[in-house]
Amino acid sequence: MRAFIFSLDAFVAFTLALIAIYSLIFFSSIPSSYYYLLTQGHYLSRDVLMALSTTSCVASVYPCPSGEGISVLDNIASTADIDQRQELVRETVGKMIPDQFGYTIESVDSQGKPVSIYDTATADGDPHAKERKKLSIASQVMTFGYSSAYAKPSASIYNYLSCNADGAGIGGLVTCGLGGNTNPSSGGKDLVPSVNVKIVKLTIFI
């Protein structure tokens, strides 16, 4: 009788141990919503930076303080005017990121000095999230902003039509000599200024 009780006790203990082990395996295999949210935040920050770096700034759509023809991200990174820069961020990044997320944008120059460009936590009137409660994820991209205003014309001044193309004897500058040409840098601004390489970091939080 005593041996039967000991055997039954061992069987019950073994059964409870199996239940505990299988329970741990079962609950640990259930995917957590945190990882899905982390992946979503990473894709969102990366896609926003890629879209900004490959979209040319058009003055009729966005404010382009550094000039048209260069990317929106270059305008954000290169603009010295804080108000214009923040307005451009609100008109682009602010409309690409849902309001339930908050975000910060900062740049790091070649000397390793970080500069805050925009932060929804301190921006007045911004409907995006203000506090980091669940997660914070960041993506980075390199930008080749310009050190000064971009003076290159949006269309080439040269053409390859005949010298009487417009009926006034003024045709293509390439085929008709150098008459009337001026130095594009004579106005005090470089045609294409030297680049100012920076790393732009977009952090999304919720």
Protein backbone atom coordinates (compact mmCIF):
# COMPACT_ATOMS: atom_id res chain seq x y z
CA MET A 1 0.00 0.00 0.00
CA ARG A 2 2.80 2.37 0.90
CA ALA A 3 4.59 1.65 -2.40
CA PHE A 4 1.42 2.42 -4.34
CA ILE A 5 1.07 5.78 -2.61
CA PHE A 6 4.71 6.63 -3.35
CA SER A 7 4.26 5.65 -7.00
CA LEU A 8 1.08 7.72 -7.28
CA ASP A 9 2.84 10.70 -5.68
CA ALA A 10 5.73 10.42 -8.14
CA PHE A 11 3.31 10.16 -11.08
CA VAL A 12 1.41 13.27 -9.97
CA ALA A 13 4.67 15.21 -9.52
CA PHE A 14 5.85 14.13 -12.98
CA THR A 15 2.51 15.17 -14.52
CA LEU A 16 2.66 18.60 -12.86
CA ALA A 17 6.24 19.08 -14.08
CA LEU A 18 5.16 18.27 -17.66
CA ILE A 19 2.24 20.71 -17.41
CA ALA A 20 4.57 23.45 -16.18
CA ILE A 21 7.10 22.84 -18.98
CA TYR A 22 4.49 22.76 -21.73
CA SER A 23 2.85 25.89 -20.33
CA LEU A 24 6.16 27.75 -20.48
CA ILE A 25 6.73 26.62 -24.08
CA PHE A 26 3.19 27.58 -25.09
CA PHE A 27 3.19 31.06 -23.57
CA SER A 28 6.72 31.88 -24.74
CA SER A 29 5.80 30.96 -28.33
CA ILE A 30 2.93 33.47 -28.47
CA PRO A 31 4.21 36.52 -30.39
CA SER A 32 4.19 39.75 -28.44
CA SER A 33 2.59 42.86 -29.89
CA TYR A 34 5.70 44.79 -28.84
CA TYR A 35 7.79 43.26 -31.62
CA TYR A 36 5.17 44.00 -34.25
CA LEU A 37 5.01 47.59 -33.04
CA LEU A 38 8.81 47.79 -33.04
CA THR A 39 8.95 46.55 -36.64
CA GLN A 40 6.20 48.93 -37.70
CA GLY A 41 8.03 51.89 -36.15
CA HIS A 42 11.29 50.92 -37.83
CA TYR A 43 9.69 50.59 -41.26
CA LEU A 44 7.84 53.86 -40.79
CA SER A 45 10.94 55.87 -39.84
CA ARG A 46 13.00 54.30 -42.62
CA ASP A 47 10.35 54.88 -45.29
CA VAL A 48 9.86 58.51 -44.26
CA LEU A 49 13.59 59.24 -44.55
CA MET A 50 13.85 57.43 -47.90
CA ALA A 51 10.84 59.35 -49.26
CA LEU A 52 12.26 62.70 -48.14
CA SER A 53 15.71 61.97 -49.57
CA THR A 54 14.34 60.99 -52.99
CA THR A 55 11.70 63.72 -53.38
CA SER A 56 12.72 67.00 -55.02
CA CYS A 57 11.48 70.06 -53.20
CA VAL A 58 8.97 72.10 -55.21
CA ALA A 59 8.21 75.62 -53.99
CA SER A 60 4.60 75.43 -55.13
CA VAL A 61 4.05 72.47 -52.78
CA TYR A 62 6.51 72.93 -49.91
CA PRO A 63 8.65 75.78 -48.65
CA CYS A 64 12.13 75.23 -50.11
CA PRO A 65 14.46 77.63 -48.25
CA SER A 66 17.60 76.03 -49.70
CA GLY A 67 16.22 76.05 -53.23
CA GLU A 68 14.32 73.87 -55.63
CA GLY A 69 15.83 70.92 -57.42
CA ILE A 70 17.35 69.37 -54.31
CA SER A 71 15.66 66.89 -52.03
CA VAL A 72 13.28 67.76 -49.24
CA LEU A 73 15.64 66.14 -46.75
CA ASP A 74 18.53 68.32 -47.96
CA ASN A 75 16.35 71.38 -47.40
CA ILE A 76 15.52 70.23 -43.88
CA ALA A 77 19.16 69.49 -43.01
CA SER A 78 20.71 72.57 -44.66
CA THR A 79 18.28 75.35 -43.79
CA ALA A 80 19.58 77.68 -41.11
CA ASP A 81 16.26 79.46 -40.56
CA ILE A 82 14.58 77.61 -37.68
CA ASP A 83 11.03 78.72 -38.50
CA GLN A 84 11.28 77.70 -42.16
CA ARG A 85 12.87 74.40 -41.23
CA GLN A 86 10.18 73.51 -38.71
CA GLU A 87 7.44 74.52 -41.14
CA LEU A 88 8.93 72.21 -43.76
CA VAL A 89 9.09 69.36 -41.24
CA ARG A 90 5.44 69.85 -40.25
CA GLU A 91 4.34 69.93 -43.90
CA THR A 92 6.21 66.73 -44.78
CA VAL A 93 7.14 64.48 -41.87
CA GLY A 94 4.16 65.60 -39.80
CA LYS A 95 1.73 64.44 -42.49
CA MET A 96 3.49 61.12 -43.08
CA ILE A 97 3.53 59.96 -39.45
CA PRO A 98 0.19 59.17 -37.71
CA ASP A 99 -0.76 61.35 -34.78
CA GLN A 100 -0.53 58.49 -32.27
CA PHE A 101 3.24 58.45 -32.82
CA GLY A 102 5.65 61.16 -31.75
CA TYR A 103 8.93 61.87 -33.49
CA THR A 104 12.19 63.75 -33.25
CA ILE A 105 14.57 64.76 -36.03
CA GLU A 106 18.20 65.57 -35.40
CA SER A 107 21.30 65.92 -37.52
CA VAL A 108 24.93 65.08 -36.84
CA ASP A 109 27.60 66.99 -38.78
CA SER A 110 31.05 65.80 -39.82
CA GLN A 111 32.41 66.88 -36.43
CA GLY A 112 29.97 64.61 -34.61
CA LYS A 113 27.95 67.46 -33.16
CA PRO A 114 24.21 66.62 -32.83
CA VAL A 115 21.66 69.33 -33.56
CA SER A 116 17.97 68.98 -32.76
CA ILE A 117 15.80 69.95 -35.72
CA TYR A 118 12.30 69.10 -34.51
CA ASP A 119 10.74 67.41 -31.51
CA THR A 120 7.01 66.86 -31.10
CA ALA A 121 7.44 66.71 -27.32
CA THR A 122 8.29 70.42 -27.24
CA ALA A 123 6.49 71.67 -30.38
CA ASP A 124 3.47 73.81 -29.51
CA GLY A 125 0.26 72.88 -31.27
CA ASP A 126 1.59 69.65 -32.74
CA PRO A 127 -1.03 66.88 -32.47
CA HIS A 128 1.53 64.06 -32.33
CA ALA A 129 2.43 62.14 -29.18
CA LYS A 130 4.46 63.96 -26.56
CA GLU A 131 5.71 61.18 -24.28
CA ARG A 132 7.63 57.94 -24.78
CA LYS A 133 5.65 55.21 -23.04
CA LYS A 134 6.02 51.98 -25.03
CA LEU A 135 8.93 52.14 -27.44
CA SER A 136 11.37 54.34 -29.32
CA ILE A 137 12.93 53.34 -32.65
CA ALA A 138 15.23 55.33 -34.94
CA SER A 139 16.55 55.24 -38.51
CA GLN A 140 19.38 57.24 -40.04
CA VAL A 141 20.31 58.38 -43.52
CA MET A 142 23.16 60.45 -44.91
CA THR A 143 22.37 63.73 -46.64
CA PHE A 144 24.59 65.93 -48.77
CA GLY A 145 23.16 69.31 -47.92
CA TYR A 146 24.63 72.54 -49.23
CA SER A 147 26.61 75.04 -47.19
CA SER A 148 24.76 78.02 -48.72
CA ALA A 149 21.83 78.82 -50.99
CA TYR A 150 21.50 76.73 -54.12
CA ALA A 151 21.75 79.17 -57.08
CA LYS A 152 21.67 76.76 -60.02
CA PRO A 153 18.72 77.52 -62.36
CA SER A 154 16.04 74.87 -62.61
CA ALA A 155 16.38 74.81 -66.43
CA SER A 156 19.54 74.97 -68.51
CA ILE A 157 20.34 78.32 -70.15
CA TYR A 158 21.80 76.44 -73.11
CA ASN A 159 19.94 74.97 -76.05
CA TYR A 160 20.87 73.42 -79.35
CA LEU A 161 18.45 75.18 -81.68
CA SER A 162 19.58 77.45 -84.51
CA CYS A 163 20.94 80.91 -83.79
CA ASN A 164 17.69 82.47 -84.99
CA ALA A 165 15.48 80.20 -82.93
CA ASP A 166 13.42 82.95 -81.33
CA GLY A 167 13.24 85.20 -84.39
CA ALA A 168 15.40 87.88 -82.78
CA GLY A 169 18.79 86.49 -83.70
CA ILE A 170 19.36 85.10 -80.21
CA GLY A 171 19.59 81.33 -80.30
CA GLY A 172 21.48 78.63 -78.51
CA LEU A 173 24.40 79.91 -76.49
CA VAL A 174 26.46 76.80 -77.13
CA THR A 175 26.25 77.07 -80.94
CA CYS A 176 26.28 80.84 -81.21
CA GLY A 177 29.31 81.88 -79.22
CA LEU A 178 29.66 83.29 -75.75
CA GLY A 179 27.95 86.61 -76.29
CA GLY A 180 25.63 87.58 -73.47
CA ASN A 181 26.92 84.94 -71.09
CA THR A 182 27.64 85.93 -67.50
CA ASN A 183 29.46 84.24 -64.71
CA PRO A 184 26.77 82.49 -62.64
CA SER A 185 28.82 83.04 -59.48
CA SER A 186 29.26 86.77 -60.07
CA GLY A 187 26.21 87.57 -57.95
CA GLY A 188 28.04 86.59 -54.79
CA LYS A 189 26.60 83.07 -54.59
CA ASP A 190 28.09 79.86 -55.89
CA LEU A 191 26.20 78.10 -58.61
CA VAL A 192 26.44 74.84 -56.65
CA PRO A 193 27.81 75.44 -53.13
CA SER A 194 30.09 73.00 -51.38
CA VAL A 195 28.31 70.09 -49.78
CA ASN A 196 27.72 69.89 -46.07
CA VAL A 197 27.51 66.18 -45.28
CA LYS A 198 25.28 65.27 -42.35
CA ILE A 199 23.55 62.25 -40.90
CA VAL A 200 19.85 62.83 -40.31
CA LYS A 201 18.26 60.70 -37.59
CA LEU A 202 14.49 60.24 -37.31
CA THR A 203 13.26 58.74 -34.04
CA ILE A 204 9.66 57.57 -33.72
CA PHE A 205 8.15 56.87 -30.32
CA ILE A 206 4.82 56.01 -28.80
